[in-house]
Amino acid sequence: MSKTFVKDILVKTEELPWVEMVDGVDFRLLRTCNITGAWTVYFRCAAGSSFPRHQHFGAGEYLVTKGRMVYRAGEAAAGDYGYEPLDVIHELTSFPEYTELYFTNFGPVIFMDDEGNVQSILDHNAVRDLYESNTGA
């Protein structure tokens, strides 16, 4: 006998509005989970945009669907998949050309200044609140 505890989710991504996360980087919120702390977004990154120094307090994974992303592990182009382990620090994640990518993080991402001081914390609640406050969802 099979039991389903979680409902299926189908998101029509093209119908979702874009919301700015940082200068030049917008996202569509696909899912957040209050049980696991996971959050999934689809990013649209302008040429020359970037994420500042940050640390993953939950593992992350991505799939680049368009463009190119450059970070600590190397250069990821359209079609490339990457896994980012727990506690990894990325000094800078940059997008030298227009880029789109699917991204899931299994916990918070902490953004820091050059001295390691916490500037902001991005977790499933913060991502959801940012999206909802800008879309009225």
C-alpha atoms as a PDB file:
ATOM      1  CA  MET A   1       0.000   0.000   0.000  1.00  0.00           C
ATOM      2  CA  SER A   2       1.343   3.398  -0.995  1.00  0.00           C
ATOM      3  CA  LYS A   3       0.720   6.583   0.949  1.00  0.00           C
ATOM      4  CA  THR A   4       1.304  10.062  -0.402  1.00  0.00           C
ATOM      5  CA  PHE A   5       2.122  12.628   2.281  1.00  0.00           C
ATOM      6  CA  VAL A   6       3.189  15.480   0.021  1.00  0.00           C
ATOM      7  CA  LYS A   7       1.174  16.743  -2.908  1.00  0.00           C
ATOM      8  CA  ASP A   8       2.669  16.811  -6.381  1.00  0.00           C
ATOM      9  CA  ILE A   9       3.917  20.229  -7.442  1.00  0.00           C
ATOM     10  CA  LEU A  10       3.700  21.599 -10.969  1.00  0.00           C
ATOM     11  CA  VAL A  11       4.959  25.140 -11.529  1.00  0.00           C
ATOM     12  CA  LYS A  12       4.328  26.984 -14.794  1.00  0.00           C
ATOM     13  CA  THR A  13       7.623  28.868 -14.644  1.00  0.00           C
ATOM     14  CA  GLU A  14       6.971  31.088 -17.654  1.00  0.00           C
ATOM     15  CA  GLU A  15       3.935  32.499 -15.841  1.00  0.00           C
ATOM     16  CA  LEU A  16       5.938  33.543 -12.776  1.00  0.00           C
ATOM     17  CA  PRO A  17       7.204  37.112 -12.398  1.00  0.00           C
ATOM     18  CA  TRP A  18      10.910  37.842 -11.981  1.00  0.00           C
ATOM     19  CA  VAL A  19      12.108  39.427  -8.718  1.00  0.00           C
ATOM     20  CA  GLU A  20      15.501  41.056  -8.164  1.00  0.00           C
ATOM     21  CA  MET A  21      17.733  39.239  -5.661  1.00  0.00           C
ATOM     22  CA  VAL A  22      20.892  41.316  -6.108  1.00  0.00           C
ATOM     23  CA  ASP A  23      21.832  43.904  -8.717  1.00  0.00           C
ATOM     24  CA  GLY A  24      21.610  42.196 -12.117  1.00  0.00           C
ATOM     25  CA  VAL A  25      20.321  38.866 -10.772  1.00  0.00           C
ATOM     26  CA  ASP A  26      16.599  38.093 -10.814  1.00  0.00           C
ATOM     27  CA  PHE A  27      14.810  34.923  -9.764  1.00  0.00           C
ATOM     28  CA  ARG A  28      11.583  33.017 -10.018  1.00  0.00           C
ATOM     29  CA  LEU A  29      10.656  31.124  -6.870  1.00  0.00           C
ATOM     30  CA  LEU A  30       9.830  27.496  -7.618  1.00  0.00           C
ATOM     31  CA  ARG A  31       9.608  25.986  -4.136  1.00  0.00           C
ATOM     32  CA  THR A  32      10.499  26.381  -0.473  1.00  0.00           C
ATOM     33  CA  CYS A  33      10.199  23.729   2.235  1.00  0.00           C
ATOM     34  CA  ASN A  34       9.551  24.522   5.886  1.00  0.00           C
ATOM     35  CA  ILE A  35      10.420  20.937   6.832  1.00  0.00           C
ATOM     36  CA  THR A  36      13.877  20.634   5.238  1.00  0.00           C
ATOM     37  CA  GLY A  37      14.805  24.294   4.721  1.00  0.00           C
ATOM     38  CA  ALA A  38      15.405  23.637   1.017  1.00  0.00           C
ATOM     39  CA  TRP A  39      14.641  26.298  -1.565  1.00  0.00           C
ATOM     40  CA  THR A  40      14.594  26.121  -5.348  1.00  0.00           C
ATOM     41  CA  VAL A  41      14.780  29.061  -7.737  1.00  0.00           C
ATOM     42  CA  TYR A  42      15.398  29.798 -11.385  1.00  0.00           C
ATOM     43  CA  PHE A  43      17.967  32.587 -11.826  1.00  0.00           C
ATOM     44  CA  ARG A  44      18.312  35.110 -14.663  1.00  0.00           C
ATOM     45  CA  CYS A  45      21.704  36.834 -14.489  1.00  0.00           C
ATOM     46  CA  ALA A  46      22.708  39.856 -16.552  1.00  0.00           C
ATOM     47  CA  ALA A  47      26.104  39.891 -18.247  1.00  0.00           C
ATOM     48  CA  GLY A  48      28.654  41.185 -15.737  1.00  0.00           C
ATOM     49  CA  SER A  49      26.513  40.472 -12.664  1.00  0.00           C
ATOM     50  CA  SER A  50      27.726  38.465  -9.679  1.00  0.00           C
ATOM     51  CA  PHE A  51      27.044  37.121  -6.213  1.00  0.00           C
ATOM     52  CA  PRO A  52      29.396  38.460  -3.542  1.00  0.00           C
ATOM     53  CA  ARG A  53      31.379  36.314  -1.108  1.00  0.00           C
ATOM     54  CA  HIS A  54      29.167  33.699   0.523  1.00  0.00           C
ATOM     55  CA  GLN A  55      29.164  30.416   2.409  1.00  0.00           C
ATOM     56  CA  HIS A  56      26.740  27.527   1.952  1.00  0.00           C
ATOM     57  CA  PHE A  57      25.302  26.334   5.278  1.00  0.00           C
ATOM     58  CA  GLY A  58      23.488  23.701   3.269  1.00  0.00           C
ATOM     59  CA  ALA A  59      24.633  21.911   0.144  1.00  0.00           C
ATOM     60  CA  GLY A  60      23.521  23.308  -3.188  1.00  0.00           C
ATOM     61  CA  GLU A  61      23.187  22.107  -6.746  1.00  0.00           C
ATOM     62  CA  TYR A  62      22.582  23.823 -10.042  1.00  0.00           C
ATOM     63  CA  LEU A  63      22.052  23.289 -13.746  1.00  0.00           C
ATOM     64  CA  VAL A  64      23.095  26.072 -16.123  1.00  0.00           C
ATOM     65  CA  THR A  65      20.522  26.297 -18.922  1.00  0.00           C
ATOM     66  CA  LYS A  66      21.895  29.336 -20.787  1.00  0.00           C
ATOM     67  CA  GLY A  67      25.126  31.285 -20.678  1.00  0.00           C
ATOM     68  CA  ARG A  68      28.106  30.829 -18.368  1.00  0.00           C
ATOM     69  CA  MET A  69      28.951  31.022 -14.655  1.00  0.00           C
ATOM     70  CA  VAL A  70      32.467  31.333 -13.205  1.00  0.00           C
ATOM     71  CA  TYR A  71      33.287  30.463  -9.587  1.00  0.00           C
ATOM     72  CA  ARG A  72      35.681  28.547  -7.320  1.00  0.00           C
ATOM     73  CA  ALA A  73      35.070  25.158  -8.986  1.00  0.00           C
ATOM     74  CA  GLY A  74      35.657  26.535 -12.487  1.00  0.00           C
ATOM     75  CA  GLU A  75      33.493  27.613 -15.380  1.00  0.00           C
ATOM     76  CA  ALA A  76      30.021  26.143 -15.889  1.00  0.00           C
ATOM     77  CA  ALA A  77      28.389  26.567 -19.296  1.00  0.00           C
ATOM     78  CA  ALA A  78      24.911  25.763 -20.613  1.00  0.00           C
ATOM     79  CA  GLY A  79      24.139  22.121 -19.884  1.00  0.00           C
ATOM     80  CA  ASP A  80      26.618  21.824 -16.993  1.00  0.00           C
ATOM     81  CA  TYR A  81      25.528  20.554 -13.573  1.00  0.00           C
ATOM     82  CA  GLY A  82      27.317  21.404 -10.345  1.00  0.00           C
ATOM     83  CA  TYR A  83      27.194  20.394  -6.699  1.00  0.00           C
ATOM     84  CA  GLU A  84      28.302  22.764  -3.942  1.00  0.00           C
ATOM     85  CA  PRO A  85      29.056  21.019  -0.625  1.00  0.00           C
ATOM     86  CA  LEU A  86      28.070  22.106   2.856  1.00  0.00           C
ATOM     87  CA  ASP A  87      30.305  24.859   4.303  1.00  0.00           C
ATOM     88  CA  VAL A  88      31.985  25.758   0.996  1.00  0.00           C
ATOM     89  CA  ILE A  89      32.946  29.431   0.644  1.00  0.00           C
ATOM     90  CA  HIS A  90      32.726  31.145  -2.729  1.00  0.00           C
ATOM     91  CA  GLU A  91      34.712  34.369  -2.925  1.00  0.00           C
ATOM     92  CA  LEU A  92      32.792  35.496  -6.009  1.00  0.00           C
ATOM     93  CA  THR A  93      30.353  33.889  -8.407  1.00  0.00           C
ATOM     94  CA  SER A  94      30.222  35.824 -11.666  1.00  0.00           C
ATOM     95  CA  PHE A  95      28.273  35.740 -14.897  1.00  0.00           C
ATOM     96  CA  PRO A  96      30.392  37.077 -17.783  1.00  0.00           C
ATOM     97  CA  GLU A  97      27.438  36.757 -20.165  1.00  0.00           C
ATOM     98  CA  TYR A  98      23.660  36.545 -19.868  1.00  0.00           C
ATOM     99  CA  THR A  99      22.984  33.346 -17.894  1.00  0.00           C
ATOM    100  CA  GLU A 100      20.025  31.341 -16.648  1.00  0.00           C
ATOM    101  CA  LEU A 101      20.250  28.497 -14.153  1.00  0.00           C
ATOM    102  CA  TYR A 102      18.143  26.229 -11.987  1.00  0.00           C
ATOM    103  CA  PHE A 103      19.380  26.230  -8.376  1.00  0.00           C
ATOM    104  CA  THR A 104      18.448  24.350  -5.196  1.00  0.00           C
ATOM    105  CA  ASN A 105      20.033  24.924  -1.803  1.00  0.00           C
ATOM    106  CA  PHE A 106      19.408  22.640   1.155  1.00  0.00           C
ATOM    107  CA  GLY A 107      19.718  25.303   3.841  1.00  0.00           C
ATOM    108  CA  PRO A 108      20.895  28.891   4.225  1.00  0.00           C
ATOM    109  CA  VAL A 109      23.501  30.819   2.274  1.00  0.00           C
ATOM    110  CA  ILE A 110      25.389  33.412   4.325  1.00  0.00           C
ATOM    111  CA  PHE A 111      26.703  36.500   2.500  1.00  0.00           C
ATOM    112  CA  MET A 112      29.818  38.049   4.052  1.00  0.00           C
ATOM    113  CA  ASP A 113      32.112  41.009   3.627  1.00  0.00           C
ATOM    114  CA  ASP A 114      35.862  40.617   3.000  1.00  0.00           C
ATOM    115  CA  GLU A 115      36.540  40.269   6.745  1.00  0.00           C
ATOM    116  CA  GLY A 116      33.998  37.456   7.135  1.00  0.00           C
ATOM    117  CA  ASN A 117      31.321  39.551   8.827  1.00  0.00           C
ATOM    118  CA  VAL A 118      27.786  38.406   8.031  1.00  0.00           C
ATOM    119  CA  GLN A 119      25.984  40.861   5.753  1.00  0.00           C
ATOM    120  CA  SER A 120      22.819  38.847   5.111  1.00  0.00           C
ATOM    121  CA  ILE A 121      21.349  35.377   5.462  1.00  0.00           C
ATOM    122  CA  LEU A 122      19.364  33.845   2.647  1.00  0.00           C
ATOM    123  CA  ASP A 123      17.285  30.870   3.738  1.00  0.00           C
ATOM    124  CA  HIS A 124      13.970  29.376   2.646  1.00  0.00           C
ATOM    125  CA  ASN A 125      12.017  31.954   4.661  1.00  0.00           C
ATOM    126  CA  ALA A 126      14.004  34.940   3.384  1.00  0.00           C
ATOM    127  CA  VAL A 127      13.714  33.794  -0.243  1.00  0.00           C
ATOM    128  CA  ARG A 128       9.970  33.245   0.104  1.00  0.00           C
ATOM    129  CA  ASP A 129       9.455  36.574   1.902  1.00  0.00           C
ATOM    130  CA  LEU A 130      11.482  38.476  -0.708  1.00  0.00           C
ATOM    131  CA  TYR A 131       9.507  36.910  -3.539  1.00  0.00           C
ATOM    132  CA  GLU A 132       6.103  37.374  -1.931  1.00  0.00           C
ATOM    133  CA  SER A 133       6.772  40.973  -0.895  1.00  0.00           C
ATOM    134  CA  ASN A 134       7.628  41.850  -4.502  1.00  0.00           C
ATOM    135  CA  THR A 135       4.856  39.895  -6.218  1.00  0.00           C
ATOM    136  CA  GLY A 136       1.970  40.019  -3.771  1.00  0.00           C
ATOM    137  CA  ALA A 137       1.840  36.217  -3.913  1.00  0.00           C
END
